[in-house]
Amino acid sequence: MALSLNNLHPAPGSTHKKKRIGRGPGSGTGKTAGKGHKGQKSRSGYSSKRGFEGGQMPLQRRLPKRGFTNIFKKEWLEISLAKIEESFNAGDTVTPEILHERGLIKKAKHDLVILGTGDISKSLSISAHRFTKTAKDKIEKAGGSATVIEKAKAAEAE
């Protein structure tokens, strides 16, 4: 069936009959016209302010204005493949503890992520909490291995 002006119609369910409020008890919305009894919202001329939460302190006033520190933020120690390449010899094992001993990372209390910036030519056995995709590919291409360290907290919960 071709679409033409004489057979245009809206999609089924997209149009509704206008609700006629305040037209007697038989309509279901008579008397108070669906506004309930008393209160600010039942009066004529009511219009709510943007962000008004019924007297509760609004969200824009509850949030801090000059900076905000998320206390649940996940902290990662990052190290590039280029730094690992210049600090280790072929066949070495790289762990967060060894990196800390050599002064490449600060304290090994945060989880370590290996970034894929730079190239690696030596075959190293690297252990870290997370690897970027490019870092993992470059390590394996050089003949090394990338081992993911499991979280200590996850092991305690089991």
N, C-alpha and C. Protein backbone atom coordinates (compact mmCIF):
# COMPACT_ATOMS: atom_id res chain seq x y z
N MET A 1 0.85 -1.19 0.00
CA MET A 1 0.00 0.00 0.00
C MET A 1 0.89 1.24 0.00
N ALA A 2 0.69 2.11 -0.94
CA ALA A 2 1.50 3.32 -1.07
C ALA A 2 1.06 4.35 -0.04
N LEU A 3 2.04 5.13 0.44
CA LEU A 3 1.74 6.17 1.42
C LEU A 3 1.31 7.43 0.69
N SER A 4 0.12 7.91 1.02
CA SER A 4 -0.38 9.15 0.41
C SER A 4 -1.17 9.93 1.46
N LEU A 5 -1.58 11.13 1.14
CA LEU A 5 -2.24 12.00 2.10
C LEU A 5 -3.55 11.43 2.65
N ASN A 6 -4.27 10.63 1.85
CA ASN A 6 -5.56 10.12 2.32
C ASN A 6 -5.44 8.93 3.27
N ASN A 7 -4.24 8.32 3.40
CA ASN A 7 -4.12 7.19 4.33
C ASN A 7 -3.04 7.43 5.40
N LEU A 8 -2.68 8.69 5.68
CA LEU A 8 -1.74 9.01 6.76
C LEU A 8 -2.42 8.84 8.11
N HIS A 9 -1.78 8.19 9.04
CA HIS A 9 -2.30 8.09 10.40
C HIS A 9 -1.14 7.82 11.36
N PRO A 10 -1.26 8.27 12.61
CA PRO A 10 -0.17 8.05 13.56
C PRO A 10 -0.04 6.58 13.94
N ALA A 11 1.10 6.21 14.49
CA ALA A 11 1.34 4.83 14.90
C ALA A 11 0.37 4.45 16.01
N PRO A 12 -0.06 3.17 16.06
CA PRO A 12 -1.00 2.78 17.10
C PRO A 12 -0.40 2.97 18.50
N GLY A 13 -1.16 3.60 19.40
CA GLY A 13 -0.72 3.82 20.78
C GLY A 13 0.03 5.12 20.99
N SER A 14 0.31 5.84 19.89
CA SER A 14 1.09 7.08 20.05
C SER A 14 0.22 8.29 20.37
N THR A 15 -1.08 8.20 20.12
CA THR A 15 -1.98 9.32 20.45
C THR A 15 -3.00 8.87 21.50
N HIS A 16 -3.38 9.79 22.35
CA HIS A 16 -4.33 9.49 23.43
C HIS A 16 -5.38 10.58 23.48
N LYS A 17 -6.54 10.25 24.01
CA LYS A 17 -7.59 11.24 24.20
C LYS A 17 -7.18 12.17 25.33
N LYS A 18 -7.49 13.45 25.23
CA LYS A 18 -7.15 14.42 26.26
C LYS A 18 -7.96 14.11 27.52
N LYS A 19 -7.29 14.13 28.67
CA LYS A 19 -7.99 13.87 29.94
C LYS A 19 -8.75 15.13 30.35
N ARG A 20 -10.07 15.01 30.49
CA ARG A 20 -10.89 16.16 30.88
C ARG A 20 -11.07 16.13 32.38
N ILE A 21 -10.32 16.99 33.08
CA ILE A 21 -10.37 16.99 34.53
C ILE A 21 -11.34 18.04 35.05
N GLY A 22 -11.89 17.78 36.25
CA GLY A 22 -12.82 18.72 36.87
C GLY A 22 -14.17 18.77 36.18
N ARG A 23 -14.66 17.64 35.66
CA ARG A 23 -15.94 17.62 34.94
C ARG A 23 -16.94 16.69 35.62
N GLY A 24 -17.01 16.73 36.94
CA GLY A 24 -18.03 15.98 37.67
C GLY A 24 -17.53 14.64 38.20
N PRO A 25 -18.28 14.06 39.16
CA PRO A 25 -17.86 12.82 39.81
C PRO A 25 -17.83 11.62 38.88
N GLY A 26 -18.60 11.61 37.84
CA GLY A 26 -18.63 10.47 36.93
C GLY A 26 -17.35 10.32 36.11
N SER A 27 -16.60 11.39 35.98
CA SER A 27 -15.41 11.34 35.13
C SER A 27 -14.23 10.66 35.82
N GLY A 28 -14.28 10.55 37.16
CA GLY A 28 -13.17 9.96 37.90
C GLY A 28 -12.15 11.00 38.33
N THR A 29 -12.19 12.15 37.68
CA THR A 29 -11.29 13.24 38.07
C THR A 29 -12.11 14.51 38.31
N GLY A 30 -13.19 14.38 39.03
CA GLY A 30 -14.01 15.53 39.38
C GLY A 30 -13.56 16.12 40.71
N LYS A 31 -14.33 17.02 41.27
CA LYS A 31 -14.07 17.66 42.57
C LYS A 31 -12.66 18.25 42.67
N THR A 32 -11.67 17.50 43.12
CA THR A 32 -10.32 18.06 43.30
C THR A 32 -9.49 17.99 42.02
N ALA A 33 -10.05 17.45 40.96
CA ALA A 33 -9.42 17.40 39.64
C ALA A 33 -8.07 16.68 39.66
N GLY A 34 -7.93 15.61 40.47
CA GLY A 34 -6.71 14.81 40.50
C GLY A 34 -5.57 15.44 41.26
N LYS A 35 -5.83 16.56 41.97
CA LYS A 35 -4.76 17.26 42.70
C LYS A 35 -4.74 16.93 44.18
N GLY A 36 -5.65 16.11 44.65
CA GLY A 36 -5.66 15.76 46.07
C GLY A 36 -6.25 16.88 46.91
N HIS A 37 -6.14 16.79 48.23
CA HIS A 37 -6.71 17.79 49.13
C HIS A 37 -5.63 18.72 49.67
N LYS A 38 -5.86 20.01 49.60
CA LYS A 38 -4.99 21.05 50.18
C LYS A 38 -3.53 20.96 49.71
N GLY A 39 -2.70 21.77 50.27
CA GLY A 39 -1.28 21.75 49.91
C GLY A 39 -0.96 22.66 48.75
N GLN A 40 0.32 23.00 48.64
CA GLN A 40 0.78 23.97 47.65
C GLN A 40 0.47 23.53 46.23
N LYS A 41 0.63 22.25 45.93
CA LYS A 41 0.43 21.77 44.57
C LYS A 41 -1.03 21.76 44.14
N SER A 42 -1.96 21.87 45.08
CA SER A 42 -3.37 21.86 44.71
C SER A 42 -3.88 23.25 44.39
N ARG A 43 -3.11 24.27 44.71
CA ARG A 43 -3.55 25.66 44.50
C ARG A 43 -3.33 26.11 43.05
N SER A 44 -4.10 27.10 42.64
CA SER A 44 -3.89 27.67 41.31
C SER A 44 -2.65 28.56 41.35
N GLY A 45 -1.96 28.62 40.24
CA GLY A 45 -0.77 29.46 40.17
C GLY A 45 0.50 28.79 40.67
N TYR A 46 0.42 27.52 41.08
CA TYR A 46 1.62 26.83 41.58
C TYR A 46 2.55 26.51 40.42
N SER A 47 3.83 26.79 40.61
CA SER A 47 4.85 26.30 39.68
C SER A 47 6.10 26.01 40.52
N SER A 48 6.67 24.81 40.36
CA SER A 48 7.79 24.42 41.20
C SER A 48 9.07 25.06 40.71
N LYS A 49 9.99 25.34 41.63
CA LYS A 49 11.29 25.88 41.25
C LYS A 49 12.17 24.73 40.79
N ARG A 50 13.10 25.04 39.87
CA ARG A 50 14.04 24.05 39.41
C ARG A 50 14.89 23.56 40.57
N GLY A 51 15.00 22.26 40.78
CA GLY A 51 15.83 21.71 41.85
C GLY A 51 15.17 21.68 43.21
N PHE A 52 13.90 22.11 43.31
CA PHE A 52 13.23 22.11 44.62
C PHE A 52 12.87 20.68 45.00
N GLU A 53 13.20 20.29 46.23
CA GLU A 53 12.98 18.92 46.69
C GLU A 53 12.05 18.88 47.89
N GLY A 54 11.03 19.72 47.88
CA GLY A 54 10.03 19.67 48.94
C GLY A 54 10.55 20.14 50.29
N GLY A 55 11.52 21.02 50.31
CA GLY A 55 12.05 21.52 51.57
C GLY A 55 13.32 20.81 52.00
N GLN A 56 13.55 19.61 51.46
CA GLN A 56 14.82 18.91 51.73
C GLN A 56 15.94 19.71 51.07
N MET A 57 17.13 19.67 51.67
CA MET A 57 18.27 20.40 51.11
C MET A 57 18.55 19.89 49.70
N PRO A 58 18.47 20.76 48.68
CA PRO A 58 18.61 20.30 47.30
C PRO A 58 20.01 19.75 47.00
N LEU A 59 20.07 18.89 46.01
CA LEU A 59 21.32 18.21 45.66
C LEU A 59 22.43 19.20 45.33
N GLN A 60 22.11 20.28 44.60
CA GLN A 60 23.15 21.24 44.22
C GLN A 60 23.69 22.00 45.42
N ARG A 61 22.98 21.99 46.56
CA ARG A 61 23.50 22.63 47.77
C ARG A 61 24.18 21.62 48.69
N ARG A 62 23.88 20.32 48.50
CA ARG A 62 24.50 19.29 49.34
C ARG A 62 25.91 18.94 48.88
N LEU A 63 26.18 19.11 47.58
CA LEU A 63 27.49 18.73 47.04
C LEU A 63 28.52 19.82 47.29
N PRO A 64 29.78 19.44 47.56
CA PRO A 64 30.82 20.44 47.76
C PRO A 64 31.10 21.20 46.47
N LYS A 65 31.45 22.49 46.62
CA LYS A 65 31.61 23.34 45.44
C LYS A 65 33.04 23.45 44.95
N ARG A 66 34.01 23.43 45.85
CA ARG A 66 35.40 23.65 45.42
C ARG A 66 36.17 22.34 45.47
N GLY A 67 35.97 21.50 44.49
CA GLY A 67 36.68 20.24 44.45
C GLY A 67 35.98 19.16 45.24
N PHE A 68 36.26 17.94 44.87
CA PHE A 68 35.61 16.80 45.49
C PHE A 68 36.54 15.61 45.37
N THR A 69 36.79 14.90 46.46
CA THR A 69 37.67 13.74 46.45
C THR A 69 36.84 12.49 46.70
N ASN A 70 36.83 11.62 45.74
CA ASN A 70 36.10 10.36 45.87
C ASN A 70 36.95 9.41 46.72
N ILE A 71 36.45 9.07 47.92
CA ILE A 71 37.23 8.23 48.83
C ILE A 71 37.26 6.77 48.39
N PHE A 72 36.41 6.39 47.43
CA PHE A 72 36.37 5.01 46.96
C PHE A 72 37.12 4.84 45.64
N LYS A 73 37.84 5.89 45.19
CA LYS A 73 38.54 5.85 43.92
C LYS A 73 39.63 4.79 43.95
N LYS A 74 39.74 4.05 42.85
CA LYS A 74 40.76 3.00 42.73
C LYS A 74 42.06 3.66 42.31
N GLU A 75 43.11 3.49 43.12
CA GLU A 75 44.43 4.06 42.82
C GLU A 75 45.27 3.00 42.09
N TRP A 76 45.91 3.40 40.99
CA TRP A 76 46.77 2.51 40.23
C TRP A 76 48.16 3.11 40.15
N LEU A 77 49.18 2.28 40.30
CA LEU A 77 50.55 2.69 40.02
C LEU A 77 50.83 2.30 38.58
N GLU A 78 51.28 3.27 37.77
CA GLU A 78 51.49 3.00 36.35
C GLU A 78 52.98 2.95 36.04
N ILE A 79 53.36 2.03 35.19
CA ILE A 79 54.75 1.97 34.70
C ILE A 79 54.72 1.54 33.24
N SER A 80 55.57 2.17 32.44
CA SER A 80 55.59 1.89 31.00
C SER A 80 56.57 0.76 30.69
N LEU A 81 56.36 0.15 29.54
CA LEU A 81 57.26 -0.90 29.07
C LEU A 81 58.66 -0.35 28.80
N ALA A 82 58.74 0.92 28.41
CA ALA A 82 60.03 1.54 28.12
C ALA A 82 60.90 1.58 29.37
N LYS A 83 60.31 1.90 30.53
CA LYS A 83 61.07 1.94 31.78
C LYS A 83 61.51 0.55 32.20
N ILE A 84 60.64 -0.44 32.00
CA ILE A 84 60.98 -1.83 32.34
C ILE A 84 62.12 -2.31 31.44
N GLU A 85 62.05 -1.94 30.14
CA GLU A 85 63.06 -2.34 29.16
C GLU A 85 64.46 -1.87 29.56
N GLU A 86 64.58 -0.62 30.00
CA GLU A 86 65.90 -0.08 30.32
C GLU A 86 66.42 -0.51 31.68
N SER A 87 65.54 -1.04 32.56
CA SER A 87 65.96 -1.39 33.92
C SER A 87 66.20 -2.88 34.15
N PHE A 88 65.78 -3.73 33.22
CA PHE A 88 65.91 -5.17 33.43
C PHE A 88 66.63 -5.84 32.28
N ASN A 89 67.26 -6.99 32.57
CA ASN A 89 67.94 -7.79 31.56
C ASN A 89 67.03 -8.93 31.10
N ALA A 90 67.37 -9.54 30.00
CA ALA A 90 66.57 -10.64 29.46
C ALA A 90 66.52 -11.80 30.46
N GLY A 91 65.34 -12.39 30.60
CA GLY A 91 65.16 -13.53 31.50
C GLY A 91 64.83 -13.14 32.93
N ASP A 92 64.82 -11.84 33.24
CA ASP A 92 64.51 -11.39 34.61
C ASP A 92 63.02 -11.56 34.91
N THR A 93 62.74 -11.64 36.21
CA THR A 93 61.35 -11.67 36.68
C THR A 93 61.02 -10.28 37.23
N VAL A 94 59.90 -9.73 36.81
CA VAL A 94 59.50 -8.39 37.25
C VAL A 94 58.23 -8.51 38.08
N THR A 95 58.30 -8.07 39.35
CA THR A 95 57.14 -8.05 40.24
C THR A 95 57.05 -6.66 40.87
N PRO A 96 55.90 -6.29 41.46
CA PRO A 96 55.80 -4.99 42.11
C PRO A 96 56.85 -4.78 43.20
N GLU A 97 57.20 -5.85 43.92
CA GLU A 97 58.19 -5.74 45.00
C GLU A 97 59.58 -5.40 44.43
N ILE A 98 59.96 -6.06 43.31
CA ILE A 98 61.26 -5.81 42.69
C ILE A 98 61.30 -4.38 42.12
N LEU A 99 60.19 -3.95 41.52
CA LEU A 99 60.12 -2.59 40.98
C LEU A 99 60.28 -1.56 42.10
N HIS A 100 59.72 -1.86 43.27
CA HIS A 100 59.83 -0.96 44.43
C HIS A 100 61.27 -0.93 44.94
N GLU A 101 61.91 -2.09 45.00
CA GLU A 101 63.31 -2.16 45.46
C GLU A 101 64.24 -1.35 44.55
N ARG A 102 63.97 -1.39 43.24
CA ARG A 102 64.81 -0.66 42.29
C ARG A 102 64.43 0.81 42.17
N GLY A 103 63.39 1.24 42.90
CA GLY A 103 62.99 2.65 42.91
C GLY A 103 62.20 3.09 41.69
N LEU A 104 61.63 2.14 40.94
CA LEU A 104 60.85 2.50 39.76
C LEU A 104 59.43 2.90 40.12
N ILE A 105 58.90 2.33 41.20
CA ILE A 105 57.59 2.75 41.69
C ILE A 105 57.73 3.10 43.16
N LYS A 106 56.79 3.91 43.66
CA LYS A 106 56.81 4.23 45.07
C LYS A 106 56.41 2.99 45.84
N LYS A 107 55.67 3.12 46.88
CA LYS A 107 55.30 1.97 47.69
C LYS A 107 54.42 1.01 46.89
N ALA A 108 54.58 -0.27 47.12
CA ALA A 108 53.81 -1.27 46.38
C ALA A 108 52.47 -1.55 47.05
N LYS A 109 51.85 -0.51 47.67
CA LYS A 109 50.57 -0.74 48.35
C LYS A 109 49.39 -0.63 47.39
N HIS A 110 49.55 0.16 46.30
CA HIS A 110 48.49 0.25 45.30
C HIS A 110 48.72 -0.83 44.23
N ASP A 111 47.66 -1.11 43.48
CA ASP A 111 47.77 -2.10 42.42
C ASP A 111 48.56 -1.52 41.24
N LEU A 112 49.30 -2.39 40.57
CA LEU A 112 50.20 -1.97 39.49
C LEU A 112 49.58 -2.28 38.14
N VAL A 113 49.69 -1.30 37.22
CA VAL A 113 49.24 -1.51 35.85
C VAL A 113 50.42 -1.25 34.92
N ILE A 114 50.60 -2.16 33.95
CA ILE A 114 51.68 -2.02 32.98
C ILE A 114 51.10 -1.38 31.72
N LEU A 115 51.69 -0.23 31.32
CA LEU A 115 51.22 0.50 30.14
C LEU A 115 52.04 0.09 28.92
N GLY A 116 51.43 0.15 27.75
CA GLY A 116 52.08 -0.30 26.52
C GLY A 116 52.92 0.76 25.83
N THR A 117 53.26 1.88 26.49
CA THR A 117 54.08 2.91 25.83
C THR A 117 55.53 2.45 25.76
N GLY A 118 56.14 2.62 24.62
CA GLY A 118 57.52 2.16 24.41
C GLY A 118 57.54 0.75 23.86
N ASP A 119 58.74 0.30 23.49
CA ASP A 119 58.90 -1.05 22.94
C ASP A 119 59.70 -1.91 23.89
N ILE A 120 59.53 -3.22 23.76
CA ILE A 120 60.29 -4.17 24.59
C ILE A 120 60.86 -5.24 23.67
N SER A 121 62.16 -5.52 23.85
CA SER A 121 62.81 -6.51 22.99
C SER A 121 63.28 -7.72 23.79
N LYS A 122 63.36 -7.59 25.12
CA LYS A 122 63.83 -8.69 25.98
C LYS A 122 62.66 -9.56 26.42
N SER A 123 62.94 -10.86 26.61
CA SER A 123 61.88 -11.73 27.11
C SER A 123 61.90 -11.68 28.64
N LEU A 124 60.87 -11.07 29.21
CA LEU A 124 60.76 -10.90 30.66
C LEU A 124 59.51 -11.58 31.17
N SER A 125 59.56 -12.04 32.42
CA SER A 125 58.38 -12.61 33.07
C SER A 125 57.84 -11.53 33.99
N ILE A 126 56.76 -10.86 33.57
CA ILE A 126 56.23 -9.71 34.29
C ILE A 126 54.95 -10.10 35.01
N SER A 127 54.89 -9.74 36.31
CA SER A 127 53.68 -9.95 37.11
C SER A 127 53.14 -8.60 37.54
N ALA A 128 51.85 -8.36 37.30
CA ALA A 128 51.22 -7.10 37.70
C ALA A 128 49.74 -7.36 37.91
N HIS A 129 49.05 -6.37 38.48
CA HIS A 129 47.62 -6.51 38.76
C HIS A 129 46.77 -6.31 37.50
N ARG A 130 47.34 -5.54 36.53
CA ARG A 130 46.59 -5.30 35.29
C ARG A 130 47.57 -4.95 34.18
N PHE A 131 47.24 -5.33 32.95
CA PHE A 131 48.04 -5.00 31.77
C PHE A 131 47.12 -4.34 30.75
N THR A 132 47.63 -3.33 30.05
CA THR A 132 46.85 -2.82 28.93
C THR A 132 47.00 -3.84 27.80
N LYS A 133 46.08 -3.77 26.85
CA LYS A 133 46.07 -4.76 25.77
C LYS A 133 47.37 -4.69 24.95
N THR A 134 47.81 -3.46 24.65
CA THR A 134 49.03 -3.31 23.85
C THR A 134 50.25 -3.81 24.62
N ALA A 135 50.29 -3.57 25.94
CA ALA A 135 51.42 -4.03 26.75
C ALA A 135 51.50 -5.55 26.73
N LYS A 136 50.38 -6.21 26.91
CA LYS A 136 50.35 -7.67 26.91
C LYS A 136 50.82 -8.23 25.57
N ASP A 137 50.34 -7.62 24.48
CA ASP A 137 50.73 -8.07 23.13
C ASP A 137 52.23 -7.92 22.91
N LYS A 138 52.80 -6.76 23.32
CA LYS A 138 54.22 -6.51 23.11
C LYS A 138 55.09 -7.46 23.94
N ILE A 139 54.69 -7.74 25.18
CA ILE A 139 55.44 -8.65 26.05
C ILE A 139 55.47 -10.06 25.45
N GLU A 140 54.30 -10.54 25.01
CA GLU A 140 54.21 -11.88 24.44
C GLU A 140 54.93 -11.98 23.09
N LYS A 141 54.93 -10.89 22.31
CA LYS A 141 55.63 -10.87 21.03
C LYS A 141 57.15 -10.96 21.23
N ALA A 142 57.63 -10.37 22.36
CA ALA A 142 59.06 -10.40 22.66
C ALA A 142 59.49 -11.73 23.29
N GLY A 143 58.54 -12.64 23.52
CA GLY A 143 58.85 -13.95 24.08
C GLY A 143 58.73 -14.02 25.58
N GLY A 144 58.17 -12.99 26.20
CA GLY A 144 58.00 -12.97 27.65
C GLY A 144 56.62 -13.45 28.05
N SER A 145 56.34 -13.34 29.37
CA SER A 145 55.02 -13.74 29.86
C SER A 145 54.44 -12.65 30.74
N ALA A 146 53.13 -12.44 30.64
CA ALA A 146 52.42 -11.44 31.44
C ALA A 146 51.47 -12.17 32.37
N THR A 147 51.77 -12.14 33.68
CA THR A 147 50.96 -12.84 34.67
C THR A 147 50.16 -11.82 35.48
N VAL A 148 48.86 -12.04 35.57
CA VAL A 148 47.99 -11.15 36.35
C VAL A 148 47.98 -11.61 37.80
N ILE A 149 48.29 -10.68 38.72
CA ILE A 149 48.27 -10.98 40.15
C ILE A 149 46.83 -10.83 40.62
N GLU A 150 46.31 -11.85 41.28
CA GLU A 150 44.95 -11.79 41.81
C GLU A 150 44.92 -10.90 43.05
N LYS A 151 43.78 -10.26 43.27
CA LYS A 151 43.62 -9.35 44.41
C LYS A 151 43.64 -10.13 45.72
N ALA A 152 44.32 -9.60 46.72
CA ALA A 152 44.40 -10.24 48.03
C ALA A 152 43.06 -10.21 48.75
N LYS A 153 42.30 -9.09 48.57
CA LYS A 153 41.01 -8.93 49.25
C LYS A 153 39.99 -9.93 48.72
N ALA A 154 40.06 -10.23 47.42
CA ALA A 154 39.13 -11.19 46.83
C ALA A 154 39.38 -12.59 47.37
N ALA A 155 40.65 -12.92 47.62
CA ALA A 155 40.99 -14.24 48.17
C ALA A 155 40.51 -14.38 49.61
N GLU A 156 40.57 -13.28 50.39
CA GLU A 156 40.11 -13.32 51.78
C GLU A 156 38.61 -13.51 51.88
N ALA A 157 37.86 -12.93 50.93
CA ALA A 157 36.40 -12.99 50.96
C ALA A 157 35.88 -14.40 50.72
N GLU A 158 36.64 -15.23 50.01
CA GLU A 158 36.16 -16.59 49.67
C GLU A 158 36.20 -17.54 50.85
